[in-house]
Amino acid sequence: MSRKYITGMFFFFIAIVSIALRLYKITAPVADWHSWRQSDTAAVARNYMQFGIDPLHPRYDDLSNIQSGFDNPQGYRMVEFPLYQVIGAYIGNALPIISIEVILRILTIIASTLTGLALGILILRRVGTIAGIATSFVYAILPY
């Protein structure tokens, strides 16, 4: 077996570990350490599904003026560009039997796994094979 094949198998194993660790309690309600942020993100995606997708005017379920000091009767959420929520809403509209929270978590799992693999490959090319595999593995098992 070639060195490239063995390295590829290590990265494949790391991807499987990354996905398996992140699938734990994927259907749990939004109530963990970052629950306020997850709730806001899910609300934007849910509102896209309910009222239509308008990436330039994301809305969530908070109508208060606490964040900006201005009245917010439409529930606008002006933070980062909502690409994540738009993708989740499109998938949610295509697969309505899966909750938007689970869809968004699956998107996060995919993005996290691909990021870990890309980081490992980048380090592999710059530093070496062992460093690349170790980097990817550590990223894969980090809890957040």
C-alpha atoms as a PDB file:
ATOM      1  CA  MET A   1       0.000   0.000   0.000  1.00  0.00           C
ATOM      2  CA  SER A   2       1.213   3.457  -0.836  1.00  0.00           C
ATOM      3  CA  ARG A   3       1.793   6.229   1.654  1.00  0.00           C
ATOM      4  CA  LYS A   4      -0.972   8.328   0.017  1.00  0.00           C
ATOM      5  CA  TYR A   5      -3.473   5.492   0.440  1.00  0.00           C
ATOM      6  CA  ILE A   6      -2.638   5.052   4.125  1.00  0.00           C
ATOM      7  CA  THR A   7      -2.855   8.814   4.719  1.00  0.00           C
ATOM      8  CA  GLY A   8      -6.207   8.885   2.919  1.00  0.00           C
ATOM      9  CA  MET A   9      -7.467   6.069   5.120  1.00  0.00           C
ATOM     10  CA  PHE A  10      -6.422   8.020   8.231  1.00  0.00           C
ATOM     11  CA  PHE A  11      -8.357  11.056   7.003  1.00  0.00           C
ATOM     12  CA  PHE A  12     -11.371   8.876   6.186  1.00  0.00           C
ATOM     13  CA  PHE A  13     -11.271   7.411   9.710  1.00  0.00           C
ATOM     14  CA  ILE A  14     -10.999  10.923  11.171  1.00  0.00           C
ATOM     15  CA  ALA A  15     -14.046  12.034   9.145  1.00  0.00           C
ATOM     16  CA  ILE A  16     -16.050   9.072  10.463  1.00  0.00           C
ATOM     17  CA  VAL A  17     -15.008   9.857  14.056  1.00  0.00           C
ATOM     18  CA  SER A  18     -15.887  13.530  13.597  1.00  0.00           C
ATOM     19  CA  ILE A  19     -19.349  12.729  12.241  1.00  0.00           C
ATOM     20  CA  ALA A  20     -20.027  10.045  14.861  1.00  0.00           C
ATOM     21  CA  LEU A  21     -19.095  12.310  17.773  1.00  0.00           C
ATOM     22  CA  ARG A  22     -21.273  15.148  16.507  1.00  0.00           C
ATOM     23  CA  LEU A  23     -24.320  12.956  15.835  1.00  0.00           C
ATOM     24  CA  TYR A  24     -24.673  12.342  19.571  1.00  0.00           C
ATOM     25  CA  LYS A  25     -28.088  13.676  20.682  1.00  0.00           C
ATOM     26  CA  ILE A  26     -28.691  15.402  17.349  1.00  0.00           C
ATOM     27  CA  THR A  27     -32.439  15.470  18.031  1.00  0.00           C
ATOM     28  CA  ALA A  28     -32.118  16.945  21.533  1.00  0.00           C
ATOM     29  CA  PRO A  29     -33.979  20.210  22.108  1.00  0.00           C
ATOM     30  CA  VAL A  30     -32.097  23.475  21.863  1.00  0.00           C
ATOM     31  CA  ALA A  31     -31.105  23.795  25.509  1.00  0.00           C
ATOM     32  CA  ASP A  32     -27.335  23.528  25.839  1.00  0.00           C
ATOM     33  CA  TRP A  33     -24.509  25.986  26.479  1.00  0.00           C
ATOM     34  CA  HIS A  34     -25.192  28.085  23.367  1.00  0.00           C
ATOM     35  CA  SER A  35     -28.971  27.661  23.413  1.00  0.00           C
ATOM     36  CA  TRP A  36     -29.758  31.370  22.998  1.00  0.00           C
ATOM     37  CA  ARG A  37     -27.702  31.566  19.805  1.00  0.00           C
ATOM     38  CA  GLN A  38     -29.011  28.263  18.463  1.00  0.00           C
ATOM     39  CA  SER A  39     -32.564  29.428  19.118  1.00  0.00           C
ATOM     40  CA  ASP A  40     -32.002  32.678  17.212  1.00  0.00           C
ATOM     41  CA  THR A  41     -30.406  30.845  14.285  1.00  0.00           C
ATOM     42  CA  ALA A  42     -33.184  28.267  14.149  1.00  0.00           C
ATOM     43  CA  ALA A  43     -35.814  31.016  14.388  1.00  0.00           C
ATOM     44  CA  VAL A  44     -34.370  32.814  11.350  1.00  0.00           C
ATOM     45  CA  ALA A  45     -34.384  29.590   9.314  1.00  0.00           C
ATOM     46  CA  ARG A  46     -37.880  28.690  10.536  1.00  0.00           C
ATOM     47  CA  ASN A  47     -39.169  32.158   9.594  1.00  0.00           C
ATOM     48  CA  TYR A  48     -37.584  31.785   6.153  1.00  0.00           C
ATOM     49  CA  MET A  49     -39.521  28.553   5.736  1.00  0.00           C
ATOM     50  CA  GLN A  50     -42.747  30.138   6.945  1.00  0.00           C
ATOM     51  CA  PHE A  51     -42.622  33.599   5.325  1.00  0.00           C
ATOM     52  CA  GLY A  52     -40.285  33.069   2.375  1.00  0.00           C
ATOM     53  CA  ILE A  53     -36.536  33.366   1.974  1.00  0.00           C
ATOM     54  CA  ASP A  54     -35.236  36.942   1.941  1.00  0.00           C
ATOM     55  CA  PRO A  55     -31.546  36.894   2.919  1.00  0.00           C
ATOM     56  CA  LEU A  56     -31.353  40.685   3.173  1.00  0.00           C
ATOM     57  CA  HIS A  57     -34.137  40.858   5.775  1.00  0.00           C
ATOM     58  CA  PRO A  58     -33.680  37.988   8.252  1.00  0.00           C
ATOM     59  CA  ARG A  59     -36.309  37.843  10.994  1.00  0.00           C
ATOM     60  CA  TYR A  60     -36.379  35.992  14.262  1.00  0.00           C
ATOM     61  CA  ASP A  61     -38.828  35.650  17.135  1.00  0.00           C
ATOM     62  CA  ASP A  62     -37.644  38.552  19.317  1.00  0.00           C
ATOM     63  CA  LEU A  63     -39.539  41.807  18.825  1.00  0.00           C
ATOM     64  CA  SER A  64     -37.927  43.656  21.742  1.00  0.00           C
ATOM     65  CA  ASN A  65     -35.694  46.705  21.505  1.00  0.00           C
ATOM     66  CA  ILE A  66     -33.077  45.387  23.923  1.00  0.00           C
ATOM     67  CA  GLN A  67     -30.277  44.879  21.390  1.00  0.00           C
ATOM     68  CA  SER A  68     -30.432  48.175  19.510  1.00  0.00           C
ATOM     69  CA  GLY A  69     -32.624  50.423  21.631  1.00  0.00           C
ATOM     70  CA  PHE A  70     -35.002  50.849  18.685  1.00  0.00           C
ATOM     71  CA  ASP A  71     -38.431  49.285  18.272  1.00  0.00           C
ATOM     72  CA  ASN A  72     -38.326  46.137  16.146  1.00  0.00           C
ATOM     73  CA  PRO A  73     -41.921  45.153  15.297  1.00  0.00           C
ATOM     74  CA  GLN A  74     -40.841  43.044  12.302  1.00  0.00           C
ATOM     75  CA  GLY A  75     -38.315  41.041  14.329  1.00  0.00           C
ATOM     76  CA  TYR A  76     -35.368  41.842  12.069  1.00  0.00           C
ATOM     77  CA  ARG A  77     -32.116  40.124  12.967  1.00  0.00           C
ATOM     78  CA  MET A  78     -29.208  42.085  11.548  1.00  0.00           C
ATOM     79  CA  VAL A  79     -26.081  40.129  12.363  1.00  0.00           C
ATOM     80  CA  GLU A  80     -23.932  38.063   9.985  1.00  0.00           C
ATOM     81  CA  PHE A  81     -25.169  37.275   6.491  1.00  0.00           C
ATOM     82  CA  PRO A  82     -27.606  34.354   6.962  1.00  0.00           C
ATOM     83  CA  LEU A  83     -26.143  31.946   4.384  1.00  0.00           C
ATOM     84  CA  TYR A  84     -26.339  29.073   6.885  1.00  0.00           C
ATOM     85  CA  GLN A  85     -30.015  29.738   7.585  1.00  0.00           C
ATOM     86  CA  VAL A  86     -30.840  30.157   3.874  1.00  0.00           C
ATOM     87  CA  ILE A  87     -29.296  26.774   3.048  1.00  0.00           C
ATOM     88  CA  GLY A  88     -31.111  25.217   6.004  1.00  0.00           C
ATOM     89  CA  ALA A  89     -34.436  26.745   4.935  1.00  0.00           C
ATOM     90  CA  TYR A  90     -34.072  25.443   1.372  1.00  0.00           C
ATOM     91  CA  ILE A  91     -33.322  21.959   2.688  1.00  0.00           C
ATOM     92  CA  GLY A  92     -36.142  22.279   5.235  1.00  0.00           C
ATOM     93  CA  ASN A  93     -38.609  23.192   2.499  1.00  0.00           C
ATOM     94  CA  ALA A  94     -37.448  20.186   0.465  1.00  0.00           C
ATOM     95  CA  LEU A  95     -37.545  17.807   3.465  1.00  0.00           C
ATOM     96  CA  PRO A  96     -40.372  19.030   5.724  1.00  0.00           C
ATOM     97  CA  ILE A  97     -40.415  15.812   7.779  1.00  0.00           C
ATOM     98  CA  ILE A  98     -37.055  16.714   9.355  1.00  0.00           C
ATOM     99  CA  SER A  99     -37.029  19.529  11.934  1.00  0.00           C
ATOM    100  CA  ILE A 100     -35.097  22.664  11.060  1.00  0.00           C
ATOM    101  CA  GLU A 101     -32.947  22.228  14.184  1.00  0.00           C
ATOM    102  CA  VAL A 102     -31.766  18.796  13.004  1.00  0.00           C
ATOM    103  CA  ILE A 103     -31.150  20.100   9.476  1.00  0.00           C
ATOM    104  CA  LEU A 104     -29.037  22.976  10.799  1.00  0.00           C
ATOM    105  CA  ARG A 105     -27.092  20.599  13.048  1.00  0.00           C
ATOM    106  CA  ILE A 106     -26.399  18.290  10.096  1.00  0.00           C
ATOM    107  CA  LEU A 107     -25.134  21.303   8.122  1.00  0.00           C
ATOM    108  CA  THR A 108     -22.862  22.144  11.046  1.00  0.00           C
ATOM    109  CA  ILE A 109     -21.573  18.562  11.194  1.00  0.00           C
ATOM    110  CA  ILE A 110     -20.777  18.617   7.472  1.00  0.00           C
ATOM    111  CA  ALA A 111     -19.068  22.020   7.666  1.00  0.00           C
ATOM    112  CA  SER A 112     -17.096  21.074  10.770  1.00  0.00           C
ATOM    113  CA  THR A 113     -15.930  17.768   9.303  1.00  0.00           C
ATOM    114  CA  LEU A 114     -14.887  19.356   6.005  1.00  0.00           C
ATOM    115  CA  THR A 115     -13.089  22.156   7.862  1.00  0.00           C
ATOM    116  CA  GLY A 116     -11.154  19.656   9.964  1.00  0.00           C
ATOM    117  CA  LEU A 117     -10.138  17.691   6.884  1.00  0.00           C
ATOM    118  CA  ALA A 118      -9.146  20.846   4.989  1.00  0.00           C
ATOM    119  CA  LEU A 119      -7.105  22.059   7.955  1.00  0.00           C
ATOM    120  CA  GLY A 120      -5.387  18.688   8.208  1.00  0.00           C
ATOM    121  CA  ILE A 121      -4.555  18.655   4.495  1.00  0.00           C
ATOM    122  CA  LEU A 122      -3.225  22.217   4.690  1.00  0.00           C
ATOM    123  CA  ILE A 123      -0.950  21.314   7.609  1.00  0.00           C
ATOM    124  CA  LEU A 124       0.030  18.059   5.877  1.00  0.00           C
ATOM    125  CA  ARG A 125       1.279  20.017   2.852  1.00  0.00           C
ATOM    126  CA  ARG A 126       3.051  22.699   4.899  1.00  0.00           C
ATOM    127  CA  VAL A 127       4.492  20.720   7.811  1.00  0.00           C
ATOM    128  CA  GLY A 128       4.164  16.988   7.247  1.00  0.00           C
ATOM    129  CA  THR A 129       1.933  13.942   7.272  1.00  0.00           C
ATOM    130  CA  ILE A 130       1.932  13.258  11.004  1.00  0.00           C
ATOM    131  CA  ALA A 131       1.249  16.909  11.859  1.00  0.00           C
ATOM    132  CA  GLY A 132      -1.597  17.034   9.325  1.00  0.00           C
ATOM    133  CA  ILE A 133      -3.234  13.878  10.628  1.00  0.00           C
ATOM    134  CA  ALA A 134      -2.805  14.996  14.246  1.00  0.00           C
ATOM    135  CA  THR A 135      -4.261  18.438  13.488  1.00  0.00           C
ATOM    136  CA  SER A 136      -7.269  16.966  11.744  1.00  0.00           C
ATOM    137  CA  PHE A 137      -7.839  14.435  14.532  1.00  0.00           C
ATOM    138  CA  VAL A 138      -7.634  17.011  17.327  1.00  0.00           C
ATOM    139  CA  TYR A 139     -10.057  19.274  15.447  1.00  0.00           C
ATOM    140  CA  ALA A 140     -12.401  16.304  14.946  1.00  0.00           C
ATOM    141  CA  ILE A 141     -12.642  15.461  18.645  1.00  0.00           C
ATOM    142  CA  LEU A 142     -12.932  18.991  20.048  1.00  0.00           C
ATOM    143  CA  PRO A 143     -16.367  19.411  21.632  1.00  0.00           C
ATOM    144  CA  TYR A 144     -17.118  22.924  20.281  1.00  0.00           C
END
